[in-house]
Amino acid sequence: MVDKHRKALVEQLLTPGWDVASVTWKRTLLARNDYVIDRYVKKERVERAIKEDLAFLAAHPTRRSINATKKQ
């Protein structure tokens, strides 16, 4: 069960993040130097996934709230 949990954690790390909070979570896990990362996936691969997430978020900004739109 522990092995399955660790593999699932790695899958979450490599799944594209859809908001800044998920990128922050990935960075936090990476900063912990968790041995799960070293054992199941290379640190560089996780760093690349984070860079891809940030590039996607920069290219696709979130919508503004309705109130912010009305003020303009």
C-alpha atoms as a PDB file:
ATOM      1  CA  MET A   1       0.000   0.000   0.000  1.00  0.00           C
ATOM      2  CA  VAL A   2       2.833   2.390   0.799  1.00  0.00           C
ATOM      3  CA  ASP A   3       4.381   1.774  -2.608  1.00  0.00           C
ATOM      4  CA  LYS A   4       1.048   2.528  -4.312  1.00  0.00           C
ATOM      5  CA  HIS A   5       0.716   5.722  -2.297  1.00  0.00           C
ATOM      6  CA  ARG A   6       4.187   6.870  -3.328  1.00  0.00           C
ATOM      7  CA  LYS A   7       3.544   6.118  -6.991  1.00  0.00           C
ATOM      8  CA  ALA A   8       0.276   8.062  -6.808  1.00  0.00           C
ATOM      9  CA  LEU A   9       2.138  10.984  -5.268  1.00  0.00           C
ATOM     10  CA  VAL A  10       4.589  10.984  -8.164  1.00  0.00           C
ATOM     11  CA  GLU A  11       1.696  10.902 -10.629  1.00  0.00           C
ATOM     12  CA  GLN A  12       0.223  13.964  -8.919  1.00  0.00           C
ATOM     13  CA  LEU A  13       3.541  15.748  -9.177  1.00  0.00           C
ATOM     14  CA  LEU A  14       3.720  15.107 -12.911  1.00  0.00           C
ATOM     15  CA  THR A  15       0.072  15.936 -13.600  1.00  0.00           C
ATOM     16  CA  PRO A  16      -0.296  19.467 -14.960  1.00  0.00           C
ATOM     17  CA  GLY A  17      -1.192  21.970 -12.266  1.00  0.00           C
ATOM     18  CA  TRP A  18      -4.317  23.997 -12.916  1.00  0.00           C
ATOM     19  CA  ASP A  19      -3.698  26.811 -10.453  1.00  0.00           C
ATOM     20  CA  VAL A  20      -0.952  28.531  -8.501  1.00  0.00           C
ATOM     21  CA  ALA A  21      -1.787  26.552  -5.350  1.00  0.00           C
ATOM     22  CA  SER A  22      -0.980  23.264  -7.049  1.00  0.00           C
ATOM     23  CA  VAL A  23       2.351  24.649  -8.262  1.00  0.00           C
ATOM     24  CA  THR A  24       3.104  25.849  -4.729  1.00  0.00           C
ATOM     25  CA  TRP A  25       2.310  22.361  -3.406  1.00  0.00           C
ATOM     26  CA  LYS A  26       4.709  20.822  -5.928  1.00  0.00           C
ATOM     27  CA  ARG A  27       7.454  23.282  -4.988  1.00  0.00           C
ATOM     28  CA  THR A  28       6.944  22.572  -1.293  1.00  0.00           C
ATOM     29  CA  LEU A  29       7.194  18.836  -1.808  1.00  0.00           C
ATOM     30  CA  LEU A  30      10.281  19.274  -3.955  1.00  0.00           C
ATOM     31  CA  ALA A  31      11.924  21.517  -1.347  1.00  0.00           C
ATOM     32  CA  ARG A  32      11.444  18.868   1.340  1.00  0.00           C
ATOM     33  CA  ASN A  33      13.921  16.654  -0.535  1.00  0.00           C
ATOM     34  CA  ASP A  34      11.527  13.782  -0.048  1.00  0.00           C
ATOM     35  CA  TYR A  35      13.122  10.461  -0.873  1.00  0.00           C
ATOM     36  CA  VAL A  36      10.004   9.536  -2.857  1.00  0.00           C
ATOM     37  CA  ILE A  37      11.158  11.942  -5.532  1.00  0.00           C
ATOM     38  CA  ASP A  38      14.646  10.469  -5.683  1.00  0.00           C
ATOM     39  CA  ARG A  39      13.398   6.908  -5.713  1.00  0.00           C
ATOM     40  CA  TYR A  40      10.492   7.114  -8.174  1.00  0.00           C
ATOM     41  CA  VAL A  41      11.224  10.131 -10.357  1.00  0.00           C
ATOM     42  CA  LYS A  42      14.187  12.384 -11.046  1.00  0.00           C
ATOM     43  CA  LYS A  43      14.208  15.779  -9.394  1.00  0.00           C
ATOM     44  CA  GLU A  44      14.840  17.401 -12.780  1.00  0.00           C
ATOM     45  CA  ARG A  45      11.626  15.909 -14.162  1.00  0.00           C
ATOM     46  CA  VAL A  46       9.576  17.457 -11.361  1.00  0.00           C
ATOM     47  CA  GLU A  47      11.321  20.801 -11.874  1.00  0.00           C
ATOM     48  CA  ARG A  48      10.482  20.611 -15.586  1.00  0.00           C
ATOM     49  CA  ALA A  49       6.841  19.863 -14.755  1.00  0.00           C
ATOM     50  CA  ILE A  50       6.727  22.934 -12.502  1.00  0.00           C
ATOM     51  CA  LYS A  51       8.228  25.119 -15.244  1.00  0.00           C
ATOM     52  CA  GLU A  52       5.643  23.809 -17.708  1.00  0.00           C
ATOM     53  CA  ASP A  53       2.858  24.584 -15.230  1.00  0.00           C
ATOM     54  CA  LEU A  54       4.124  28.134 -14.747  1.00  0.00           C
ATOM     55  CA  ALA A  55       4.381  28.661 -18.505  1.00  0.00           C
ATOM     56  CA  PHE A  56       0.823  27.414 -18.977  1.00  0.00           C
ATOM     57  CA  LEU A  57      -0.522  29.620 -16.196  1.00  0.00           C
ATOM     58  CA  ALA A  58       1.269  32.648 -17.640  1.00  0.00           C
ATOM     59  CA  ALA A  59      -0.182  31.971 -21.093  1.00  0.00           C
ATOM     60  CA  HIS A  60      -3.698  31.341 -19.786  1.00  0.00           C
ATOM     61  CA  PRO A  61      -4.468  33.847 -17.040  1.00  0.00           C
ATOM     62  CA  THR A  62      -7.546  33.267 -14.953  1.00  0.00           C
ATOM     63  CA  ARG A  63     -10.708  35.173 -15.630  1.00  0.00           C
ATOM     64  CA  ARG A  64     -11.407  38.342 -13.773  1.00  0.00           C
ATOM     65  CA  SER A  65     -14.298  38.407 -11.380  1.00  0.00           C
ATOM     66  CA  ILE A  66     -17.581  39.926 -12.516  1.00  0.00           C
ATOM     67  CA  ASN A  67     -17.166  42.823 -10.088  1.00  0.00           C
ATOM     68  CA  ALA A  68     -13.743  43.733 -11.478  1.00  0.00           C
ATOM     69  CA  THR A  69     -15.167  43.720 -15.010  1.00  0.00           C
ATOM     70  CA  LYS A  70     -18.036  46.062 -14.061  1.00  0.00           C
ATOM     71  CA  LYS A  71     -15.667  48.623 -12.516  1.00  0.00           C
ATOM     72  CA  GLN A  72     -13.875  49.169 -15.813  1.00  0.00           C
END
